[in-house]
């Protein structure tokens, strides 16, 4: 496999802070891999994602995307925020088309592709609805469709399902996993839900408390996409338990 994301000895310290948020962090992600990042609140997960997106620049080290050092956002990467950000005056179809409109004038194939992606995320028939007419789960699906329409090489997702109810969250997990395989996307996914992280990912990266470093890497050997029943298998729950124990050791070592 080819390395597509590479963080080399990365540190970030904000001006005026006494200590860095992240220090001497090394991370490699392979093309097509699904990697979740977990850790306690304030451990620097979102900061790391923003650096990989080119929204923040490290104060030390470098981040490479497909071998090239980045210092600004690039077209190969799409960032999905924790809360769905939709334009209230635009319907579902129009919201999904925004990334293409920002680059060039729309054409008929663009509209057909948007309808196809909307169908893939389970919103066929809702193209004309506006954000105020959608449930939380439907808004998350629109955000996912908008992220996928440009077929980005890398998808960065910051707790996209955290505000959803359990049943909606489970359904979107299934859809995301199937779509990630279909589009061959490389995904970095932040979550506080360890079960979600293990279910979706090829690897789960645990960040320690600030200044954050990678303190544990858990490999999930099951092929994707995965049935939801996998969550009850002993081999699955064993990995979840190991990550919980690794998180608890972070707390013990800081006392």
C-alpha atoms as a PDB file:
ATOM      1  CA  UNK A   1       0.000   0.000   0.000  1.00  0.00           C
ATOM      2  CA  UNK A   2       1.027   3.610  -0.634  1.00  0.00           C
ATOM      3  CA  UNK A   3       1.431   6.150   2.157  1.00  0.00           C
ATOM      4  CA  UNK A   4      -0.887   9.097   1.462  1.00  0.00           C
ATOM      5  CA  UNK A   5      -0.747  10.991   4.796  1.00  0.00           C
ATOM      6  CA  UNK A   6       2.514  11.363   6.685  1.00  0.00           C
ATOM      7  CA  UNK A   7       3.123  13.371   9.866  1.00  0.00           C
ATOM      8  CA  UNK A   8       6.820  13.613  10.664  1.00  0.00           C
ATOM      9  CA  UNK A   9       7.899  14.813  14.127  1.00  0.00           C
ATOM     10  CA  UNK A  10       4.940  17.226  14.217  1.00  0.00           C
ATOM     11  CA  UNK A  11       4.496  19.702  17.071  1.00  0.00           C
ATOM     12  CA  UNK A  12       2.101  22.616  17.488  1.00  0.00           C
ATOM     13  CA  UNK A  13       2.200  25.294  20.147  1.00  0.00           C
ATOM     14  CA  UNK A  14      -0.163  28.242  20.039  1.00  0.00           C
ATOM     15  CA  UNK A  15       1.258  31.683  20.716  1.00  0.00           C
ATOM     16  CA  UNK A  16       1.043  32.518  24.419  1.00  0.00           C
ATOM     17  CA  UNK A  17       0.586  28.902  25.560  1.00  0.00           C
ATOM     18  CA  UNK A  18       3.093  27.460  28.030  1.00  0.00           C
ATOM     19  CA  UNK A  19       3.203  24.047  26.405  1.00  0.00           C
ATOM     20  CA  UNK A  20       2.463  22.588  22.967  1.00  0.00           C
ATOM     21  CA  UNK A  21      -0.850  20.921  22.143  1.00  0.00           C
ATOM     22  CA  UNK A  22       0.953  18.218  20.156  1.00  0.00           C
ATOM     23  CA  UNK A  23       4.617  17.275  20.331  1.00  0.00           C
ATOM     24  CA  UNK A  24       6.889  15.072  18.204  1.00  0.00           C
ATOM     25  CA  UNK A  25       3.956  13.206  16.667  1.00  0.00           C
ATOM     26  CA  UNK A  26       4.572  10.649  13.927  1.00  0.00           C
ATOM     27  CA  UNK A  27       1.730   9.105  11.935  1.00  0.00           C
ATOM     28  CA  UNK A  28       1.371   7.379   8.583  1.00  0.00           C
ATOM     29  CA  UNK A  29      -1.909   6.557   6.847  1.00  0.00           C
ATOM     30  CA  UNK A  30      -2.069   4.323   3.776  1.00  0.00           C
ATOM     31  CA  UNK A  31      -4.192   5.033   0.712  1.00  0.00           C
ATOM     32  CA  UNK A  32      -7.685   3.570   1.148  1.00  0.00           C
ATOM     33  CA  UNK A  33      -7.249   3.078   4.886  1.00  0.00           C
ATOM     34  CA  UNK A  34      -9.923   4.025   7.437  1.00  0.00           C
ATOM     35  CA  UNK A  35      -8.244   5.317  10.602  1.00  0.00           C
ATOM     36  CA  UNK A  36     -10.024   6.580  13.703  1.00  0.00           C
ATOM     37  CA  UNK A  37      -8.401   8.925  16.210  1.00  0.00           C
ATOM     38  CA  UNK A  38      -9.535   8.670  19.817  1.00  0.00           C
ATOM     39  CA  UNK A  39      -8.422  10.238  23.077  1.00  0.00           C
ATOM     40  CA  UNK A  40      -9.673  12.217  26.030  1.00  0.00           C
ATOM     41  CA  UNK A  41     -11.254  15.657  25.534  1.00  0.00           C
ATOM     42  CA  UNK A  42      -8.583  18.261  24.887  1.00  0.00           C
ATOM     43  CA  UNK A  43      -6.004  15.746  23.708  1.00  0.00           C
ATOM     44  CA  UNK A  44      -5.483  17.508  20.380  1.00  0.00           C
ATOM     45  CA  UNK A  45      -7.528  15.313  18.042  1.00  0.00           C
ATOM     46  CA  UNK A  46      -9.234  18.165  16.197  1.00  0.00           C
ATOM     47  CA  UNK A  47      -6.003  20.174  16.141  1.00  0.00           C
ATOM     48  CA  UNK A  48      -4.244  17.272  14.430  1.00  0.00           C
ATOM     49  CA  UNK A  49      -7.048  16.941  11.882  1.00  0.00           C
ATOM     50  CA  UNK A  50      -6.914  20.678  11.131  1.00  0.00           C
ATOM     51  CA  UNK A  51      -3.154  20.485  10.532  1.00  0.00           C
ATOM     52  CA  UNK A  52      -3.616  17.580   8.125  1.00  0.00           C
ATOM     53  CA  UNK A  53      -6.320  19.634   6.375  1.00  0.00           C
ATOM     54  CA  UNK A  54      -3.866  22.522   5.969  1.00  0.00           C
ATOM     55  CA  UNK A  55      -5.977  24.789   8.217  1.00  0.00           C
ATOM     56  CA  UNK A  56      -3.173  25.027  10.801  1.00  0.00           C
ATOM     57  CA  UNK A  57       0.585  24.898  10.290  1.00  0.00           C
ATOM     58  CA  UNK A  58       2.814  22.907  12.670  1.00  0.00           C
ATOM     59  CA  UNK A  59       5.417  24.860  14.613  1.00  0.00           C
ATOM     60  CA  UNK A  60       7.804  21.941  14.123  1.00  0.00           C
ATOM     61  CA  UNK A  61       7.973  19.012  11.717  1.00  0.00           C
ATOM     62  CA  UNK A  62       6.020  18.596   8.509  1.00  0.00           C
ATOM     63  CA  UNK A  63       2.890  17.006   7.112  1.00  0.00           C
ATOM     64  CA  UNK A  64       2.930  15.423   3.665  1.00  0.00           C
ATOM     65  CA  UNK A  65      -0.004  14.484   1.469  1.00  0.00           C
ATOM     66  CA  UNK A  66       0.976  12.053  -1.301  1.00  0.00           C
ATOM     67  CA  UNK A  67       4.619  12.995  -0.708  1.00  0.00           C
ATOM     68  CA  UNK A  68       4.108  16.769  -0.889  1.00  0.00           C
ATOM     69  CA  UNK A  69       4.500  19.032   2.151  1.00  0.00           C
ATOM     70  CA  UNK A  70       1.291  21.008   2.734  1.00  0.00           C
ATOM     71  CA  UNK A  71       0.833  24.420   4.335  1.00  0.00           C
ATOM     72  CA  UNK A  72      -2.678  25.251   3.078  1.00  0.00           C
ATOM     73  CA  UNK A  73      -5.924  23.443   2.138  1.00  0.00           C
ATOM     74  CA  UNK A  74      -5.759  21.361  -1.041  1.00  0.00           C
ATOM     75  CA  UNK A  75      -8.400  19.962  -3.391  1.00  0.00           C
ATOM     76  CA  UNK A  76      -7.556  16.343  -2.556  1.00  0.00           C
ATOM     77  CA  UNK A  77      -8.922  16.752   0.984  1.00  0.00           C
ATOM     78  CA  UNK A  78     -12.504  17.283   2.159  1.00  0.00           C
ATOM     79  CA  UNK A  79     -13.207  18.209   5.804  1.00  0.00           C
ATOM     80  CA  UNK A  80     -16.500  17.231   7.477  1.00  0.00           C
ATOM     81  CA  UNK A  81     -17.220  19.189  10.650  1.00  0.00           C
ATOM     82  CA  UNK A  82     -18.914  17.925  13.803  1.00  0.00           C
ATOM     83  CA  UNK A  83     -22.119  19.864  13.146  1.00  0.00           C
ATOM     84  CA  UNK A  84     -23.720  19.741   9.678  1.00  0.00           C
ATOM     85  CA  UNK A  85     -23.202  23.123   7.993  1.00  0.00           C
ATOM     86  CA  UNK A  86     -25.877  23.607   5.355  1.00  0.00           C
ATOM     87  CA  UNK A  87     -27.030  26.731   3.563  1.00  0.00           C
ATOM     88  CA  UNK A  88     -30.574  27.349   4.817  1.00  0.00           C
ATOM     89  CA  UNK A  89     -31.710  29.029   1.587  1.00  0.00           C
ATOM     90  CA  UNK A  90     -30.644  26.085  -0.594  1.00  0.00           C
ATOM     91  CA  UNK A  91     -32.365  22.723  -0.926  1.00  0.00           C
ATOM     92  CA  UNK A  92     -30.675  19.325  -0.584  1.00  0.00           C
ATOM     93  CA  UNK A  93     -29.611  19.089  -4.227  1.00  0.00           C
ATOM     94  CA  UNK A  94     -28.260  22.650  -4.235  1.00  0.00           C
ATOM     95  CA  UNK A  95     -26.334  22.103  -0.987  1.00  0.00           C
ATOM     96  CA  UNK A  96     -24.699  18.960  -2.346  1.00  0.00           C
ATOM     97  CA  UNK A  97     -23.597  20.826  -5.483  1.00  0.00           C
ATOM     98  CA  UNK A  98     -21.828  23.632  -3.558  1.00  0.00           C
ATOM     99  CA  UNK A  99     -18.257  22.175  -3.796  1.00  0.00           C
ATOM    100  CA  UNK A 100     -18.517  21.973  -7.598  1.00  0.00           C
ATOM    101  CA  UNK A 101     -20.065  25.446  -7.909  1.00  0.00           C
ATOM    102  CA  UNK A 102     -17.154  26.927  -5.977  1.00  0.00           C
ATOM    103  CA  UNK A 103     -14.781  25.647  -8.678  1.00  0.00           C
ATOM    104  CA  UNK A 104     -16.684  26.135 -11.928  1.00  0.00           C
ATOM    105  CA  UNK A 105     -20.040  26.495 -13.645  1.00  0.00           C
ATOM    106  CA  UNK A 106     -22.394  23.557 -13.186  1.00  0.00           C
ATOM    107  CA  UNK A 107     -23.387  21.281 -16.049  1.00  0.00           C
ATOM    108  CA  UNK A 108     -26.008  18.562 -16.472  1.00  0.00           C
ATOM    109  CA  UNK A 109     -23.639  15.659 -15.587  1.00  0.00           C
ATOM    110  CA  UNK A 110     -22.887  17.442 -12.283  1.00  0.00           C
ATOM    111  CA  UNK A 111     -26.573  17.505 -11.409  1.00  0.00           C
ATOM    112  CA  UNK A 112     -27.000  13.839 -12.349  1.00  0.00           C
ATOM    113  CA  UNK A 113     -23.976  12.899 -10.241  1.00  0.00           C
ATOM    114  CA  UNK A 114     -25.369  14.857  -7.282  1.00  0.00           C
ATOM    115  CA  UNK A 115     -28.661  12.969  -7.566  1.00  0.00           C
ATOM    116  CA  UNK A 116     -26.754   9.682  -7.668  1.00  0.00           C
ATOM    117  CA  UNK A 117     -24.766  10.501  -4.527  1.00  0.00           C
ATOM    118  CA  UNK A 118     -27.925  11.700  -2.764  1.00  0.00           C
ATOM    119  CA  UNK A 119     -29.491   8.336  -3.582  1.00  0.00           C
ATOM    120  CA  UNK A 120     -26.409   6.507  -2.251  1.00  0.00           C
ATOM    121  CA  UNK A 121     -26.793   8.192   1.164  1.00  0.00           C
ATOM    122  CA  UNK A 122     -30.474   7.275   1.322  1.00  0.00           C
ATOM    123  CA  UNK A 123     -32.069  10.631   0.474  1.00  0.00           C
ATOM    124  CA  UNK A 124     -33.621   9.890  -2.905  1.00  0.00           C
ATOM    125  CA  UNK A 125     -36.896  11.828  -3.151  1.00  0.00           C
ATOM    126  CA  UNK A 126     -35.742  14.535  -0.735  1.00  0.00           C
ATOM    127  CA  UNK A 127     -33.701  16.585  -3.223  1.00  0.00           C
ATOM    128  CA  UNK A 128     -36.068  19.561  -3.053  1.00  0.00           C
ATOM    129  CA  UNK A 129     -36.265  19.815   0.749  1.00  0.00           C
ATOM    130  CA  UNK A 130     -34.623  22.623   2.698  1.00  0.00           C
ATOM    131  CA  UNK A 131     -32.507  22.191   5.862  1.00  0.00           C
ATOM    132  CA  UNK A 132     -35.326  23.232   8.221  1.00  0.00           C
ATOM    133  CA  UNK A 133     -37.389  20.325   6.832  1.00  0.00           C
ATOM    134  CA  UNK A 134     -34.704  17.712   7.602  1.00  0.00           C
ATOM    135  CA  UNK A 135     -33.969  15.623  10.692  1.00  0.00           C
ATOM    136  CA  UNK A 136     -30.501  15.559  12.221  1.00  0.00           C
ATOM    137  CA  UNK A 137     -29.728  12.276  10.512  1.00  0.00           C
ATOM    138  CA  UNK A 138     -30.883  13.590   7.138  1.00  0.00           C
ATOM    139  CA  UNK A 139     -28.687  16.687   7.512  1.00  0.00           C
ATOM    140  CA  UNK A 140     -25.724  14.434   8.261  1.00  0.00           C
ATOM    141  CA  UNK A 141     -26.491  12.466   5.099  1.00  0.00           C
ATOM    142  CA  UNK A 142     -26.550  15.687   3.047  1.00  0.00           C
ATOM    143  CA  UNK A 143     -23.163  16.630   4.509  1.00  0.00           C
ATOM    144  CA  UNK A 144     -21.797  13.203   3.599  1.00  0.00           C
ATOM    145  CA  UNK A 145     -23.151  13.434   0.047  1.00  0.00           C
ATOM    146  CA  UNK A 146     -21.623  16.888  -0.359  1.00  0.00           C
ATOM    147  CA  UNK A 147     -18.277  15.550   0.877  1.00  0.00           C
ATOM    148  CA  UNK A 148     -18.330  12.644  -1.580  1.00  0.00           C
ATOM    149  CA  UNK A 149     -19.495  14.400  -4.740  1.00  0.00           C
ATOM    150  CA  UNK A 150     -15.977  15.525  -5.638  1.00  0.00           C
ATOM    151  CA  UNK A 151     -14.632  12.023  -4.852  1.00  0.00           C
ATOM    152  CA  UNK A 152     -11.856  13.347  -2.585  1.00  0.00           C
ATOM    153  CA  UNK A 153      -8.794  11.184  -2.056  1.00  0.00           C
ATOM    154  CA  UNK A 154      -8.906  12.010   1.657  1.00  0.00           C
ATOM    155  CA  UNK A 155     -11.937  12.556   3.878  1.00  0.00           C
ATOM    156  CA  UNK A 156     -11.351  14.119   7.309  1.00  0.00           C
ATOM    157  CA  UNK A 157     -14.323  13.702   9.665  1.00  0.00           C
ATOM    158  CA  UNK A 158     -14.551  15.363  13.088  1.00  0.00           C
ATOM    159  CA  UNK A 159     -17.146  13.495  15.208  1.00  0.00           C
ATOM    160  CA  UNK A 160     -19.788  13.694  12.460  1.00  0.00           C
ATOM    161  CA  UNK A 161     -22.289  11.387  14.213  1.00  0.00           C
ATOM    162  CA  UNK A 162     -21.850  12.514  17.838  1.00  0.00           C
ATOM    163  CA  UNK A 163     -25.176  14.400  18.095  1.00  0.00           C
ATOM    164  CA  UNK A 164     -27.334  11.637  16.590  1.00  0.00           C
ATOM    165  CA  UNK A 165     -29.538   9.083  18.318  1.00  0.00           C
ATOM    166  CA  UNK A 166     -28.212   5.530  18.573  1.00  0.00           C
ATOM    167  CA  UNK A 167     -30.307   4.018  15.754  1.00  0.00           C
ATOM    168  CA  UNK A 168     -29.574   6.807  13.273  1.00  0.00           C
ATOM    169  CA  UNK A 169     -25.895   6.706  14.209  1.00  0.00           C
ATOM    170  CA  UNK A 170     -25.737   2.954  13.586  1.00  0.00           C
ATOM    171  CA  UNK A 171     -27.354   3.297  10.158  1.00  0.00           C
ATOM    172  CA  UNK A 172     -24.980   6.080   9.135  1.00  0.00           C
ATOM    173  CA  UNK A 173     -22.006   4.010  10.284  1.00  0.00           C
ATOM    174  CA  UNK A 174     -23.113   1.243   7.920  1.00  0.00           C
ATOM    175  CA  UNK A 175     -23.595   3.677   5.047  1.00  0.00           C
ATOM    176  CA  UNK A 176     -20.261   5.423   5.623  1.00  0.00           C
ATOM    177  CA  UNK A 177     -18.394   2.134   5.691  1.00  0.00           C
ATOM    178  CA  UNK A 178     -20.013   0.937   2.454  1.00  0.00           C
ATOM    179  CA  UNK A 179     -19.394   4.286   0.743  1.00  0.00           C
ATOM    180  CA  UNK A 180     -15.759   4.402   1.866  1.00  0.00           C
ATOM    181  CA  UNK A 181     -15.186   1.045   0.180  1.00  0.00           C
ATOM    182  CA  UNK A 182     -17.107   2.082  -2.951  1.00  0.00           C
ATOM    183  CA  UNK A 183     -15.203   5.367  -3.387  1.00  0.00           C
ATOM    184  CA  UNK A 184     -11.842   3.945  -2.176  1.00  0.00           C
ATOM    185  CA  UNK A 185     -11.497   6.973   0.088  1.00  0.00           C
ATOM    186  CA  UNK A 186      -8.824   7.393   2.731  1.00  0.00           C
ATOM    187  CA  UNK A 187     -10.628   8.445   5.911  1.00  0.00           C
ATOM    188  CA  UNK A 188      -9.417   9.964   9.163  1.00  0.00           C
ATOM    189  CA  UNK A 189     -12.284   9.899  11.647  1.00  0.00           C
ATOM    190  CA  UNK A 190     -12.406  11.503  15.112  1.00  0.00           C
ATOM    191  CA  UNK A 191     -14.757  10.001  17.687  1.00  0.00           C
ATOM    192  CA  UNK A 192     -15.192   9.591  21.436  1.00  0.00           C
ATOM    193  CA  UNK A 193     -17.128   6.362  20.837  1.00  0.00           C
ATOM    194  CA  UNK A 194     -14.633   3.489  21.069  1.00  0.00           C
ATOM    195  CA  UNK A 195     -17.093   0.931  19.694  1.00  0.00           C
ATOM    196  CA  UNK A 196     -17.727   3.178  16.691  1.00  0.00           C
ATOM    197  CA  UNK A 197     -13.985   3.599  16.142  1.00  0.00           C
ATOM    198  CA  UNK A 198     -13.314  -0.139  16.139  1.00  0.00           C
ATOM    199  CA  UNK A 199     -16.361  -0.947  14.005  1.00  0.00           C
ATOM    200  CA  UNK A 200     -15.457   1.508  11.244  1.00  0.00           C
ATOM    201  CA  UNK A 201     -11.672   1.376  11.184  1.00  0.00           C
ATOM    202  CA  UNK A 202      -8.688  -0.570   9.975  1.00  0.00           C
ATOM    203  CA  UNK A 203      -6.684   1.056  12.773  1.00  0.00           C
ATOM    204  CA  UNK A 204      -7.531   3.065  15.892  1.00  0.00           C
ATOM    205  CA  UNK A 205      -4.974   5.678  16.980  1.00  0.00           C
ATOM    206  CA  UNK A 206      -5.010   6.762  20.632  1.00  0.00           C
ATOM    207  CA  UNK A 207      -3.596  10.184  21.507  1.00  0.00           C
ATOM    208  CA  UNK A 208      -2.289  10.841  25.007  1.00  0.00           C
ATOM    209  CA  UNK A 209      -2.996  13.934  27.066  1.00  0.00           C
ATOM    210  CA  UNK A 210      -1.336  17.235  26.185  1.00  0.00           C
ATOM    211  CA  UNK A 211       1.179  17.581  24.812  1.00  0.00           C
ATOM    212  CA  UNK A 212      -0.299  14.802  22.707  1.00  0.00           C
ATOM    213  CA  UNK A 213       1.562  11.964  21.053  1.00  0.00           C
ATOM    214  CA  UNK A 214       0.452   8.620  19.636  1.00  0.00           C
ATOM    215  CA  UNK A 215       0.432   6.320  22.673  1.00  0.00           C
ATOM    216  CA  UNK A 216      -1.366   3.262  21.267  1.00  0.00           C
ATOM    217  CA  UNK A 217      -2.259   1.795  17.876  1.00  0.00           C
ATOM    218  CA  UNK A 218      -4.913  -0.922  17.631  1.00  0.00           C
ATOM    219  CA  UNK A 219      -5.302  -2.933  14.421  1.00  0.00           C
ATOM    220  CA  UNK A 220      -8.757  -4.215  13.457  1.00  0.00           C
ATOM    221  CA  UNK A 221      -8.171  -7.285  11.259  1.00  0.00           C
ATOM    222  CA  UNK A 222     -11.769  -7.770  10.012  1.00  0.00           C
ATOM    223  CA  UNK A 223     -12.415  -6.859   6.364  1.00  0.00           C
ATOM    224  CA  UNK A 224     -14.742  -3.973   5.487  1.00  0.00           C
ATOM    225  CA  UNK A 225     -17.655  -3.499   5.040  1.00  0.00           C
ATOM    226  CA  UNK A 226     -18.727  -5.260   8.229  1.00  0.00           C
ATOM    227  CA  UNK A 227     -22.102  -6.494   9.492  1.00  0.00           C
ATOM    228  CA  UNK A 228     -23.442  -4.698  12.567  1.00  0.00           C
ATOM    229  CA  UNK A 229     -23.627  -8.054  14.357  1.00  0.00           C
ATOM    230  CA  UNK A 230     -19.828  -7.991  14.489  1.00  0.00           C
ATOM    231  CA  UNK A 231     -20.075  -5.655  17.485  1.00  0.00           C
ATOM    232  CA  UNK A 232     -21.178  -8.604  19.629  1.00  0.00           C
ATOM    233  CA  UNK A 233     -18.367 -10.949  18.615  1.00  0.00           C
ATOM    234  CA  UNK A 234     -15.692 -11.724  21.279  1.00  0.00           C
ATOM    235  CA  UNK A 235     -12.868 -10.816  18.859  1.00  0.00           C
ATOM    236  CA  UNK A 236     -14.454  -7.373  18.400  1.00  0.00           C
ATOM    237  CA  UNK A 237     -15.191  -6.666  22.069  1.00  0.00           C
ATOM    238  CA  UNK A 238     -11.633  -7.726  22.939  1.00  0.00           C
ATOM    239  CA  UNK A 239     -10.228  -4.874  20.819  1.00  0.00           C
ATOM    240  CA  UNK A 240     -12.692  -2.393  22.335  1.00  0.00           C
ATOM    241  CA  UNK A 241     -11.676  -3.484  25.845  1.00  0.00           C
ATOM    242  CA  UNK A 242      -7.970  -3.131  25.046  1.00  0.00           C
ATOM    243  CA  UNK A 243      -8.484   0.467  23.896  1.00  0.00           C
ATOM    244  CA  UNK A 244     -10.490   1.339  27.024  1.00  0.00           C
ATOM    245  CA  UNK A 245      -7.678  -0.090  29.140  1.00  0.00           C
ATOM    246  CA  UNK A 246      -5.108   1.944  27.200  1.00  0.00           C
ATOM    247  CA  UNK A 247      -7.125   5.106  27.863  1.00  0.00           C
ATOM    248  CA  UNK A 248      -7.280   4.292  31.580  1.00  0.00           C
ATOM    249  CA  UNK A 249      -3.502   3.865  31.671  1.00  0.00           C
ATOM    250  CA  UNK A 250      -3.119   7.441  30.377  1.00  0.00           C
ATOM    251  CA  UNK A 251      -5.022   8.677  33.409  1.00  0.00           C
ATOM    252  CA  UNK A 252      -3.022   6.472  35.796  1.00  0.00           C
ATOM    253  CA  UNK A 253       0.310   7.679  34.438  1.00  0.00           C
ATOM    254  CA  UNK A 254      -0.636  11.339  34.924  1.00  0.00           C
ATOM    255  CA  UNK A 255      -1.371  10.969  38.638  1.00  0.00           C
END
